N, C-alpha and C. Protein backbone atom coordinates (compact mmCIF):
# COMPACT_ATOMS: atom_id res chain seq x y z
N MET A 1 -71.45 -9.92 -33.00
CA MET A 1 -70.81 -8.85 -32.29
C MET A 1 -71.86 -8.01 -31.62
N THR A 2 -71.59 -7.54 -30.42
CA THR A 2 -72.49 -6.67 -29.69
C THR A 2 -71.79 -5.39 -29.39
N SER A 3 -72.57 -4.35 -29.23
CA SER A 3 -71.98 -3.07 -28.83
C SER A 3 -72.75 -2.58 -27.64
N GLN A 4 -72.04 -2.00 -26.75
CA GLN A 4 -72.66 -1.47 -25.53
C GLN A 4 -71.80 -0.35 -24.99
N GLU A 5 -72.44 0.52 -24.19
CA GLU A 5 -71.69 1.56 -23.52
C GLU A 5 -71.34 1.11 -22.13
N ASP A 6 -70.12 1.35 -21.75
CA ASP A 6 -69.70 1.06 -20.39
C ASP A 6 -70.05 2.26 -19.52
N PRO A 7 -71.02 2.17 -18.63
CA PRO A 7 -71.44 3.37 -17.86
C PRO A 7 -70.32 3.89 -16.97
N ARG A 8 -69.40 3.06 -16.54
CA ARG A 8 -68.30 3.56 -15.71
C ARG A 8 -67.44 4.55 -16.46
N LEU A 9 -67.10 4.23 -17.71
CA LEU A 9 -66.25 5.11 -18.49
C LEU A 9 -67.00 6.37 -18.94
N SER A 10 -68.25 6.20 -19.30
CA SER A 10 -69.01 7.34 -19.78
C SER A 10 -69.23 8.36 -18.67
N ALA A 11 -69.40 7.90 -17.46
CA ALA A 11 -69.62 8.84 -16.36
C ALA A 11 -68.35 9.59 -16.03
N ASP A 12 -67.18 8.93 -16.16
CA ASP A 12 -65.91 9.59 -15.79
C ASP A 12 -65.41 10.51 -16.87
N VAL A 13 -65.53 10.08 -18.12
CA VAL A 13 -64.96 10.85 -19.21
C VAL A 13 -66.10 11.24 -20.17
N PRO A 14 -66.52 12.51 -20.20
CA PRO A 14 -67.62 12.89 -21.08
C PRO A 14 -67.23 12.67 -22.57
N GLY A 15 -68.16 12.11 -23.34
CA GLY A 15 -67.94 11.94 -24.76
C GLY A 15 -67.23 10.65 -25.10
N GLU A 16 -66.88 9.81 -24.11
CA GLU A 16 -66.16 8.55 -24.39
C GLU A 16 -67.13 7.39 -24.52
N ARG A 17 -66.94 6.61 -25.56
CA ARG A 17 -67.80 5.44 -25.81
C ARG A 17 -66.91 4.22 -25.89
N VAL A 18 -67.39 3.07 -25.43
CA VAL A 18 -66.65 1.84 -25.50
C VAL A 18 -67.38 0.87 -26.39
N VAL A 19 -66.73 0.35 -27.38
CA VAL A 19 -67.29 -0.67 -28.27
C VAL A 19 -66.57 -1.97 -27.94
N SER A 20 -67.31 -2.99 -27.59
CA SER A 20 -66.66 -4.24 -27.18
C SER A 20 -67.20 -5.38 -28.06
N GLY A 21 -66.39 -6.42 -28.19
CA GLY A 21 -66.78 -7.60 -28.95
C GLY A 21 -66.65 -8.83 -28.06
N LYS A 22 -67.39 -9.88 -28.39
CA LYS A 22 -67.32 -11.12 -27.61
C LYS A 22 -66.54 -12.17 -28.37
N ASP A 23 -65.85 -12.97 -27.62
CA ASP A 23 -65.10 -14.08 -28.19
C ASP A 23 -66.06 -15.28 -28.21
N ASP A 24 -66.44 -15.73 -29.40
CA ASP A 24 -67.35 -16.85 -29.51
C ASP A 24 -66.51 -18.12 -29.51
N GLN A 25 -66.55 -18.91 -28.43
CA GLN A 25 -65.67 -20.08 -28.28
C GLN A 25 -66.04 -21.21 -29.23
N ALA A 26 -67.32 -21.31 -29.58
CA ALA A 26 -67.70 -22.39 -30.46
C ALA A 26 -67.20 -22.14 -31.88
N GLU A 27 -67.27 -20.98 -32.34
CA GLU A 27 -66.87 -20.67 -33.70
C GLU A 27 -65.41 -20.28 -33.81
N GLY A 28 -64.75 -19.97 -32.75
CA GLY A 28 -63.39 -19.44 -32.81
C GLY A 28 -63.41 -17.94 -32.52
N ARG A 29 -62.32 -17.32 -32.72
CA ARG A 29 -62.21 -15.89 -32.43
C ARG A 29 -62.87 -15.05 -33.51
N VAL A 30 -63.61 -14.04 -33.08
CA VAL A 30 -64.31 -13.15 -34.00
C VAL A 30 -63.59 -11.78 -33.95
N THR A 31 -63.27 -11.27 -35.08
CA THR A 31 -62.63 -9.98 -35.15
C THR A 31 -63.60 -9.00 -35.80
N ALA A 32 -63.86 -7.86 -35.15
CA ALA A 32 -64.76 -6.84 -35.70
C ALA A 32 -63.98 -5.56 -35.90
N VAL A 33 -64.13 -5.03 -37.08
CA VAL A 33 -63.48 -3.78 -37.40
C VAL A 33 -64.53 -2.85 -37.92
N ARG A 34 -64.57 -1.62 -37.40
CA ARG A 34 -65.54 -0.62 -37.83
C ARG A 34 -64.83 0.44 -38.66
N ARG A 35 -65.34 0.63 -39.88
CA ARG A 35 -64.80 1.68 -40.77
C ARG A 35 -65.99 2.50 -41.26
N GLY A 36 -66.08 3.70 -40.79
CA GLY A 36 -67.22 4.54 -41.18
C GLY A 36 -68.49 3.96 -40.66
N ASN A 37 -69.42 3.64 -41.58
CA ASN A 37 -70.72 3.09 -41.20
C ASN A 37 -70.73 1.58 -41.35
N ILE A 38 -69.61 0.94 -41.70
CA ILE A 38 -69.57 -0.49 -41.96
C ILE A 38 -68.81 -1.19 -40.85
N THR A 39 -69.45 -2.21 -40.29
CA THR A 39 -68.76 -3.07 -39.33
C THR A 39 -68.48 -4.39 -40.02
N GLU A 40 -67.23 -4.77 -40.09
CA GLU A 40 -66.82 -5.98 -40.80
C GLU A 40 -66.52 -7.06 -39.77
N VAL A 41 -67.15 -8.20 -39.90
CA VAL A 41 -66.98 -9.30 -38.98
C VAL A 41 -66.26 -10.41 -39.74
N ILE A 42 -65.14 -10.90 -39.17
CA ILE A 42 -64.35 -11.97 -39.81
C ILE A 42 -64.28 -13.16 -38.86
N ASN A 43 -64.68 -14.30 -39.31
CA ASN A 43 -64.51 -15.53 -38.53
C ASN A 43 -63.23 -16.17 -39.03
N SER A 44 -62.20 -16.20 -38.20
CA SER A 44 -60.88 -16.65 -38.65
C SER A 44 -60.83 -18.16 -38.92
N ASP A 45 -61.68 -19.00 -38.29
CA ASP A 45 -61.63 -20.45 -38.49
C ASP A 45 -62.20 -20.83 -39.86
N SER A 46 -63.33 -20.27 -40.19
CA SER A 46 -63.96 -20.72 -41.44
C SER A 46 -63.60 -19.79 -42.61
N LEU A 47 -62.88 -18.66 -42.36
CA LEU A 47 -62.48 -17.70 -43.36
C LEU A 47 -63.66 -17.16 -44.13
N SER A 48 -64.80 -17.17 -43.48
CA SER A 48 -65.99 -16.56 -44.12
C SER A 48 -66.08 -15.12 -43.65
N GLN A 49 -66.64 -14.31 -44.47
CA GLN A 49 -66.78 -12.90 -44.14
C GLN A 49 -68.27 -12.53 -44.22
N ALA A 50 -68.66 -11.67 -43.31
CA ALA A 50 -70.02 -11.12 -43.37
C ALA A 50 -69.92 -9.66 -43.05
N ARG A 51 -70.60 -8.85 -43.83
CA ARG A 51 -70.59 -7.40 -43.59
C ARG A 51 -71.98 -6.97 -43.17
N THR A 52 -72.01 -6.23 -42.11
CA THR A 52 -73.27 -5.61 -41.69
C THR A 52 -73.00 -4.15 -41.41
N SER A 53 -73.97 -3.34 -41.63
CA SER A 53 -73.83 -1.92 -41.36
C SER A 53 -74.77 -1.52 -40.24
N THR A 54 -74.19 -1.23 -39.11
CA THR A 54 -74.99 -0.84 -37.96
C THR A 54 -74.35 0.43 -37.35
N GLU A 55 -75.11 1.49 -37.33
CA GLU A 55 -74.57 2.71 -36.73
C GLU A 55 -74.71 2.61 -35.22
N LEU A 56 -73.56 2.65 -34.56
CA LEU A 56 -73.56 2.49 -33.10
C LEU A 56 -73.83 3.83 -32.40
N ASP A 57 -73.16 4.85 -32.82
CA ASP A 57 -73.31 6.17 -32.21
C ASP A 57 -72.63 7.19 -33.09
N THR A 58 -72.99 8.42 -32.93
CA THR A 58 -72.34 9.51 -33.65
C THR A 58 -71.71 10.46 -32.63
N LEU A 59 -70.44 10.68 -32.80
CA LEU A 59 -69.75 11.62 -31.91
C LEU A 59 -69.37 12.85 -32.72
N THR A 60 -69.58 13.99 -32.15
CA THR A 60 -69.17 15.24 -32.79
C THR A 60 -67.93 15.73 -32.10
N LEU A 61 -66.85 15.89 -32.86
CA LEU A 61 -65.60 16.42 -32.32
C LEU A 61 -65.56 17.90 -32.61
N HIS A 62 -65.13 18.66 -31.64
CA HIS A 62 -65.08 20.12 -31.75
C HIS A 62 -63.66 20.64 -31.67
N GLU A 63 -63.45 21.80 -32.23
CA GLU A 63 -62.18 22.49 -32.07
C GLU A 63 -62.45 23.99 -31.93
N GLU A 64 -61.53 24.68 -31.31
CA GLU A 64 -61.63 26.12 -31.18
C GLU A 64 -60.88 26.74 -32.32
N ARG A 65 -61.44 27.84 -32.82
CA ARG A 65 -60.76 28.64 -33.85
C ARG A 65 -60.73 30.07 -33.39
N ALA A 66 -59.66 30.74 -33.72
CA ALA A 66 -59.49 32.12 -33.27
C ALA A 66 -60.13 33.07 -34.26
N ARG A 67 -60.82 34.05 -33.76
CA ARG A 67 -61.41 35.12 -34.57
C ARG A 67 -60.88 36.43 -33.99
N VAL A 68 -60.23 37.24 -34.79
CA VAL A 68 -59.63 38.46 -34.30
C VAL A 68 -60.50 39.62 -34.70
N GLU A 69 -60.81 40.47 -33.74
CA GLU A 69 -61.58 41.70 -34.00
C GLU A 69 -60.68 42.86 -33.59
N VAL A 70 -60.57 43.82 -34.45
CA VAL A 70 -59.72 44.99 -34.17
C VAL A 70 -60.63 46.13 -33.66
N LEU A 71 -60.34 46.61 -32.48
CA LEU A 71 -61.09 47.71 -31.88
C LEU A 71 -60.29 48.97 -31.97
N ARG A 72 -60.90 50.03 -32.41
CA ARG A 72 -60.23 51.32 -32.55
C ARG A 72 -60.53 52.14 -31.28
N GLU A 73 -59.46 52.56 -30.62
CA GLU A 73 -59.58 53.33 -29.39
C GLU A 73 -58.90 54.68 -29.57
N GLN A 74 -59.42 55.68 -28.89
CA GLN A 74 -58.78 57.00 -28.92
C GLN A 74 -57.70 56.98 -27.86
N ALA A 75 -56.43 57.07 -28.29
CA ALA A 75 -55.31 57.00 -27.37
C ALA A 75 -55.02 58.39 -26.77
N GLY A 76 -55.43 59.43 -27.41
CA GLY A 76 -55.16 60.78 -26.92
C GLY A 76 -55.68 61.80 -27.92
N SER A 77 -55.57 63.05 -27.54
CA SER A 77 -56.01 64.10 -28.46
C SER A 77 -55.06 65.28 -28.31
N VAL A 78 -55.05 66.08 -29.34
CA VAL A 78 -54.18 67.24 -29.37
C VAL A 78 -55.05 68.43 -29.78
N SER A 79 -54.89 69.55 -29.07
CA SER A 79 -55.58 70.78 -29.39
C SER A 79 -54.55 71.74 -29.99
N ILE A 80 -54.88 72.29 -31.15
CA ILE A 80 -53.94 73.18 -31.84
C ILE A 80 -54.64 74.53 -31.98
N ARG A 81 -53.96 75.61 -31.52
CA ARG A 81 -54.50 76.95 -31.65
C ARG A 81 -53.35 77.94 -31.67
N LYS A 82 -53.61 79.10 -32.23
CA LYS A 82 -52.63 80.17 -32.23
C LYS A 82 -52.76 80.95 -30.93
N VAL A 83 -51.66 81.25 -30.30
CA VAL A 83 -51.67 82.01 -29.07
C VAL A 83 -50.73 83.22 -29.25
N ILE A 84 -51.15 84.38 -28.82
CA ILE A 84 -50.31 85.57 -28.91
C ILE A 84 -49.65 85.81 -27.56
N ARG A 85 -48.36 85.88 -27.55
CA ARG A 85 -47.59 86.12 -26.33
C ARG A 85 -46.96 87.52 -26.42
N GLN A 86 -46.83 88.20 -25.32
CA GLN A 86 -46.20 89.50 -25.25
C GLN A 86 -44.79 89.38 -24.71
N ARG A 87 -43.91 90.23 -25.21
CA ARG A 87 -42.57 90.32 -24.68
C ARG A 87 -42.11 91.76 -24.76
N GLU A 88 -41.26 92.11 -23.85
CA GLU A 88 -40.71 93.47 -23.81
C GLU A 88 -39.32 93.46 -24.39
N GLU A 89 -39.03 94.37 -25.23
CA GLU A 89 -37.70 94.50 -25.78
C GLU A 89 -37.18 95.93 -25.57
N VAL A 90 -35.90 96.05 -25.37
CA VAL A 90 -35.26 97.35 -25.25
C VAL A 90 -34.46 97.56 -26.53
N LEU A 91 -34.88 98.56 -27.26
CA LEU A 91 -34.21 98.88 -28.53
C LEU A 91 -33.40 100.14 -28.37
N PRO A 92 -32.11 100.10 -28.53
CA PRO A 92 -31.31 101.33 -28.44
C PRO A 92 -31.48 102.14 -29.73
N VAL A 93 -31.84 103.41 -29.59
CA VAL A 93 -32.05 104.29 -30.72
C VAL A 93 -31.20 105.53 -30.51
N THR A 94 -30.40 105.90 -31.48
CA THR A 94 -29.56 107.10 -31.38
C THR A 94 -30.34 108.28 -31.95
N LEU A 95 -30.57 109.25 -31.11
CA LEU A 95 -31.31 110.46 -31.55
C LEU A 95 -30.34 111.64 -31.54
N THR A 96 -30.53 112.58 -32.44
CA THR A 96 -29.68 113.76 -32.54
C THR A 96 -30.52 115.01 -32.36
N THR A 97 -29.97 115.91 -31.60
CA THR A 97 -30.59 117.21 -31.40
C THR A 97 -29.63 118.29 -31.91
N GLU A 98 -30.12 119.16 -32.74
CA GLU A 98 -29.31 120.23 -33.28
C GLU A 98 -29.76 121.54 -32.63
N THR A 99 -28.81 122.23 -31.97
CA THR A 99 -29.15 123.49 -31.29
C THR A 99 -28.30 124.66 -31.81
N LEU A 100 -28.81 125.80 -31.58
CA LEU A 100 -28.10 127.09 -31.93
C LEU A 100 -27.77 127.77 -30.60
N GLU A 101 -26.48 128.03 -30.41
CA GLU A 101 -26.05 128.70 -29.18
C GLU A 101 -25.89 130.20 -29.45
N ILE A 102 -26.46 130.96 -28.57
CA ILE A 102 -26.37 132.42 -28.68
C ILE A 102 -25.65 132.94 -27.42
N THR A 103 -24.54 133.59 -27.63
CA THR A 103 -23.78 134.18 -26.53
C THR A 103 -23.73 135.71 -26.77
N VAL A 104 -24.15 136.45 -25.80
CA VAL A 104 -24.17 137.92 -25.92
C VAL A 104 -22.93 138.46 -25.19
N ARG A 105 -22.14 139.28 -25.89
CA ARG A 105 -20.95 139.88 -25.29
C ARG A 105 -21.28 141.28 -24.77
N ASP A 106 -20.48 141.65 -23.85
CA ASP A 106 -20.68 143.01 -23.29
C ASP A 106 -20.43 144.05 -24.35
N GLY A 107 -21.28 145.02 -24.36
CA GLY A 107 -21.10 146.15 -25.26
C GLY A 107 -21.54 145.87 -26.68
N ALA A 108 -22.22 144.72 -26.93
CA ALA A 108 -22.61 144.38 -28.27
C ALA A 108 -23.97 144.96 -28.62
N GLY A 109 -24.57 145.54 -27.75
CA GLY A 109 -25.88 146.08 -28.01
C GLY A 109 -26.96 145.23 -27.37
N LYS A 110 -28.12 145.57 -27.76
CA LYS A 110 -29.26 144.89 -27.16
C LYS A 110 -29.67 143.76 -28.07
N VAL A 111 -29.82 142.52 -27.48
CA VAL A 111 -30.25 141.34 -28.26
C VAL A 111 -31.54 140.83 -27.59
N THR A 112 -32.54 140.60 -28.39
CA THR A 112 -33.82 140.10 -27.88
C THR A 112 -34.14 138.77 -28.53
N LEU A 113 -34.82 137.95 -27.77
CA LEU A 113 -35.27 136.62 -28.28
C LEU A 113 -36.72 136.51 -27.84
N ASN A 114 -37.61 136.44 -28.81
CA ASN A 114 -39.02 136.35 -28.58
C ASN A 114 -39.47 137.50 -27.66
N GLY A 115 -38.92 138.66 -27.86
CA GLY A 115 -39.31 139.86 -27.11
C GLY A 115 -38.62 139.99 -25.77
N GLU A 116 -37.74 139.07 -25.43
CA GLU A 116 -37.02 139.13 -24.19
C GLU A 116 -35.62 139.62 -24.46
N VAL A 117 -35.09 140.45 -23.59
CA VAL A 117 -33.74 140.95 -23.74
C VAL A 117 -32.76 139.95 -23.16
N LEU A 118 -31.74 139.58 -23.91
CA LEU A 118 -30.76 138.60 -23.43
C LEU A 118 -29.67 139.33 -22.65
N GLU A 119 -29.23 138.76 -21.60
CA GLU A 119 -28.20 139.37 -20.77
C GLU A 119 -26.86 139.12 -21.40
N PRO A 120 -25.98 140.15 -21.32
CA PRO A 120 -24.63 139.96 -21.86
C PRO A 120 -23.83 139.01 -20.99
N GLY A 121 -22.98 138.14 -21.64
CA GLY A 121 -22.09 137.18 -20.95
C GLY A 121 -22.75 135.81 -20.74
N ARG A 122 -23.97 135.71 -21.07
CA ARG A 122 -24.65 134.41 -20.94
C ARG A 122 -24.84 133.76 -22.30
N THR A 123 -24.91 132.44 -22.29
CA THR A 123 -25.13 131.69 -23.53
C THR A 123 -26.53 131.09 -23.49
N TYR A 124 -27.22 131.25 -24.59
CA TYR A 124 -28.56 130.73 -24.70
C TYR A 124 -28.60 129.71 -25.83
N GLU A 125 -29.41 128.63 -25.63
CA GLU A 125 -29.56 127.58 -26.66
C GLU A 125 -30.93 127.64 -27.27
N VAL A 126 -30.95 127.49 -28.54
CA VAL A 126 -32.22 127.41 -29.26
C VAL A 126 -32.19 126.09 -30.05
N ILE A 127 -33.16 125.25 -29.82
CA ILE A 127 -33.21 123.94 -30.53
C ILE A 127 -33.68 124.20 -31.94
N VAL A 128 -32.82 123.85 -32.87
CA VAL A 128 -33.13 124.01 -34.28
C VAL A 128 -33.82 122.72 -34.82
N HIS A 129 -33.19 121.57 -34.53
CA HIS A 129 -33.75 120.26 -34.96
C HIS A 129 -33.73 119.33 -33.76
N ASP A 130 -34.76 118.57 -33.62
CA ASP A 130 -34.84 117.58 -32.54
C ASP A 130 -35.41 116.29 -33.14
N GLU A 131 -34.84 115.15 -32.80
CA GLU A 131 -35.34 113.83 -33.30
C GLU A 131 -36.09 113.15 -32.18
N LYS A 132 -37.16 112.51 -32.54
CA LYS A 132 -37.96 111.72 -31.62
C LYS A 132 -38.08 110.30 -32.19
N ALA A 133 -38.12 109.35 -31.33
CA ALA A 133 -38.29 107.93 -31.79
C ALA A 133 -39.77 107.65 -31.98
N VAL A 134 -40.12 107.27 -33.14
CA VAL A 134 -41.49 106.87 -33.45
C VAL A 134 -41.45 105.39 -33.81
N VAL A 135 -42.10 104.57 -32.98
CA VAL A 135 -42.05 103.10 -33.17
C VAL A 135 -43.28 102.67 -33.97
N GLN A 136 -43.03 101.96 -35.03
CA GLN A 136 -44.11 101.38 -35.79
C GLN A 136 -43.89 99.85 -35.80
N LYS A 137 -44.96 99.16 -35.71
CA LYS A 137 -44.89 97.69 -35.70
C LYS A 137 -45.24 97.16 -37.07
N GLU A 138 -44.43 96.22 -37.54
CA GLU A 138 -44.72 95.56 -38.78
C GLU A 138 -44.81 94.05 -38.54
N VAL A 139 -45.64 93.38 -39.23
CA VAL A 139 -45.84 91.94 -39.06
C VAL A 139 -45.07 91.24 -40.18
N PHE A 140 -44.21 90.31 -39.75
CA PHE A 140 -43.43 89.48 -40.69
C PHE A 140 -43.79 88.02 -40.44
N ALA A 141 -43.70 87.22 -41.46
CA ALA A 141 -43.90 85.77 -41.30
C ALA A 141 -42.69 85.18 -40.60
N LEU A 142 -42.90 84.58 -39.45
CA LEU A 142 -41.82 84.01 -38.69
C LEU A 142 -41.48 82.60 -39.19
N SER A 143 -42.49 81.79 -39.33
CA SER A 143 -42.27 80.42 -39.84
C SER A 143 -43.61 79.85 -40.30
N ASP A 144 -43.51 78.85 -41.16
CA ASP A 144 -44.67 78.13 -41.63
C ASP A 144 -44.72 76.79 -40.90
N VAL A 145 -45.86 76.46 -40.41
CA VAL A 145 -46.03 75.20 -39.67
C VAL A 145 -46.98 74.32 -40.51
N THR A 146 -46.53 73.12 -40.80
CA THR A 146 -47.35 72.15 -41.57
C THR A 146 -47.85 71.09 -40.60
N LEU A 147 -49.14 70.85 -40.63
CA LEU A 147 -49.77 69.84 -39.79
C LEU A 147 -50.07 68.62 -40.67
N ASN A 148 -49.55 67.48 -40.28
CA ASN A 148 -49.77 66.23 -41.04
C ASN A 148 -50.40 65.20 -40.09
N LYS A 149 -51.22 64.38 -40.65
CA LYS A 149 -51.78 63.25 -39.91
C LYS A 149 -51.23 62.00 -40.59
N GLU A 150 -50.59 61.13 -39.81
CA GLU A 150 -49.93 59.95 -40.37
C GLU A 150 -50.55 58.70 -39.75
N THR A 151 -50.82 57.72 -40.62
CA THR A 151 -51.32 56.43 -40.15
C THR A 151 -50.25 55.38 -40.40
N ARG A 152 -49.92 54.64 -39.36
CA ARG A 152 -48.93 53.56 -39.49
C ARG A 152 -49.60 52.24 -39.29
N THR A 153 -49.24 51.28 -40.13
CA THR A 153 -49.78 49.93 -40.02
C THR A 153 -48.63 49.02 -39.66
N TYR A 154 -48.89 48.18 -38.65
CA TYR A 154 -47.87 47.22 -38.23
C TYR A 154 -48.55 45.90 -37.87
N THR A 155 -47.78 44.85 -37.86
CA THR A 155 -48.30 43.54 -37.54
C THR A 155 -48.01 43.21 -36.08
N HIS A 156 -49.03 42.90 -35.38
CA HIS A 156 -48.93 42.52 -33.96
C HIS A 156 -49.29 41.06 -33.84
N THR A 157 -48.57 40.29 -33.06
CA THR A 157 -48.87 38.89 -32.91
C THR A 157 -49.45 38.63 -31.51
N GLU A 158 -50.48 37.82 -31.46
CA GLU A 158 -51.09 37.41 -30.21
C GLU A 158 -50.90 35.90 -30.10
N ASN A 159 -50.47 35.43 -28.96
CA ASN A 159 -50.33 33.99 -28.72
C ASN A 159 -51.62 33.50 -28.04
N ILE A 160 -52.22 32.49 -28.62
CA ILE A 160 -53.48 31.96 -28.09
C ILE A 160 -53.40 30.44 -28.13
N THR A 161 -53.95 29.81 -27.11
CA THR A 161 -53.98 28.34 -27.06
C THR A 161 -55.39 27.91 -27.45
N LEU A 162 -55.50 27.10 -28.50
CA LEU A 162 -56.78 26.61 -28.97
C LEU A 162 -56.91 25.12 -28.63
N LEU A 163 -58.12 24.71 -28.29
CA LEU A 163 -58.39 23.34 -27.93
C LEU A 163 -59.03 22.59 -29.09
N ARG A 164 -58.75 21.29 -29.21
CA ARG A 164 -59.34 20.46 -30.25
C ARG A 164 -59.66 19.11 -29.60
N GLU A 165 -60.85 18.58 -29.87
CA GLU A 165 -61.20 17.27 -29.39
C GLU A 165 -60.71 16.24 -30.41
N GLU A 166 -60.17 15.15 -29.90
CA GLU A 166 -59.74 14.03 -30.76
C GLU A 166 -60.34 12.76 -30.19
N LEU A 167 -60.52 11.79 -31.04
CA LEU A 167 -61.11 10.53 -30.62
C LEU A 167 -59.99 9.63 -30.12
N ASP A 168 -60.16 9.13 -28.90
CA ASP A 168 -59.19 8.24 -28.28
C ASP A 168 -59.84 6.87 -28.09
N VAL A 169 -59.43 5.89 -28.90
CA VAL A 169 -60.01 4.54 -28.85
C VAL A 169 -59.11 3.66 -27.99
N ARG A 170 -59.70 3.02 -26.99
CA ARG A 170 -58.94 2.11 -26.11
C ARG A 170 -59.45 0.68 -26.36
N ASP A 171 -58.53 -0.23 -26.58
CA ASP A 171 -58.84 -1.61 -26.86
C ASP A 171 -58.02 -2.50 -25.92
N PRO A 172 -58.42 -2.60 -24.63
CA PRO A 172 -57.58 -3.36 -23.68
C PRO A 172 -57.57 -4.86 -23.95
N GLN A 173 -58.59 -5.41 -24.64
CA GLN A 173 -58.64 -6.85 -24.89
C GLN A 173 -58.00 -7.20 -26.23
N GLY A 174 -57.61 -6.21 -27.01
CA GLY A 174 -56.94 -6.47 -28.27
C GLY A 174 -57.86 -7.03 -29.32
N LEU A 175 -59.09 -6.59 -29.38
CA LEU A 175 -60.09 -7.11 -30.34
C LEU A 175 -59.95 -6.52 -31.74
N VAL A 176 -59.41 -5.34 -31.84
CA VAL A 176 -59.36 -4.67 -33.14
C VAL A 176 -58.16 -5.19 -33.93
N ARG A 177 -58.44 -5.61 -35.16
CA ARG A 177 -57.42 -6.09 -36.08
C ARG A 177 -57.62 -5.39 -37.40
N GLU A 178 -56.55 -5.24 -38.16
CA GLU A 178 -56.67 -4.66 -39.49
C GLU A 178 -57.14 -5.74 -40.43
N VAL A 179 -58.13 -5.39 -41.20
CA VAL A 179 -58.71 -6.32 -42.16
C VAL A 179 -58.43 -5.76 -43.54
N LYS A 180 -57.92 -6.57 -44.42
CA LYS A 180 -57.71 -6.16 -45.80
C LYS A 180 -58.86 -6.68 -46.64
N LEU A 181 -59.49 -5.76 -47.32
CA LEU A 181 -60.66 -6.13 -48.11
C LEU A 181 -60.19 -6.48 -49.51
N ASP A 182 -60.86 -7.46 -50.10
CA ASP A 182 -60.53 -7.89 -51.45
C ASP A 182 -61.54 -7.28 -52.40
N ASP A 183 -61.82 -6.01 -52.29
CA ASP A 183 -62.81 -5.34 -53.14
C ASP A 183 -62.29 -5.06 -54.52
């Protein structure tokens, strides 16, 4: 049995090797089967077997595998601060004024107020009590705000196509036969 590379196939298809066998007409048909490092040659006419181990070539088959890396990105940011806003409110307040009315009648004599003589027939007012609005501000708690940071974990799926090399053996002359070993 001989082995050779067909340069036409090797040039067209990278990584392809052709193993061929010859038909020996004098001895009959020769069948060669390669298993691992062993090439088994069987002469079908004489039923004799001979085993030889000849390494023809080594092919490395490759495949792609996915490796996932998780990148952490800042999606946004939030600024939190207290802000004081002003607003105007109109508060209705009821105030009371208490007055003393003085009316002088004719012929009643002389009436003075703070050294002034009051005229008869007129009414005078003296404020006894007066109320004024005094506004005081008090601070009350309006609401409590709780700030939480939450982390959510979820499963995301990515579809990826991976390539794998496979060995494609072509035997157009039909030389390869299954051989059963009597080991």
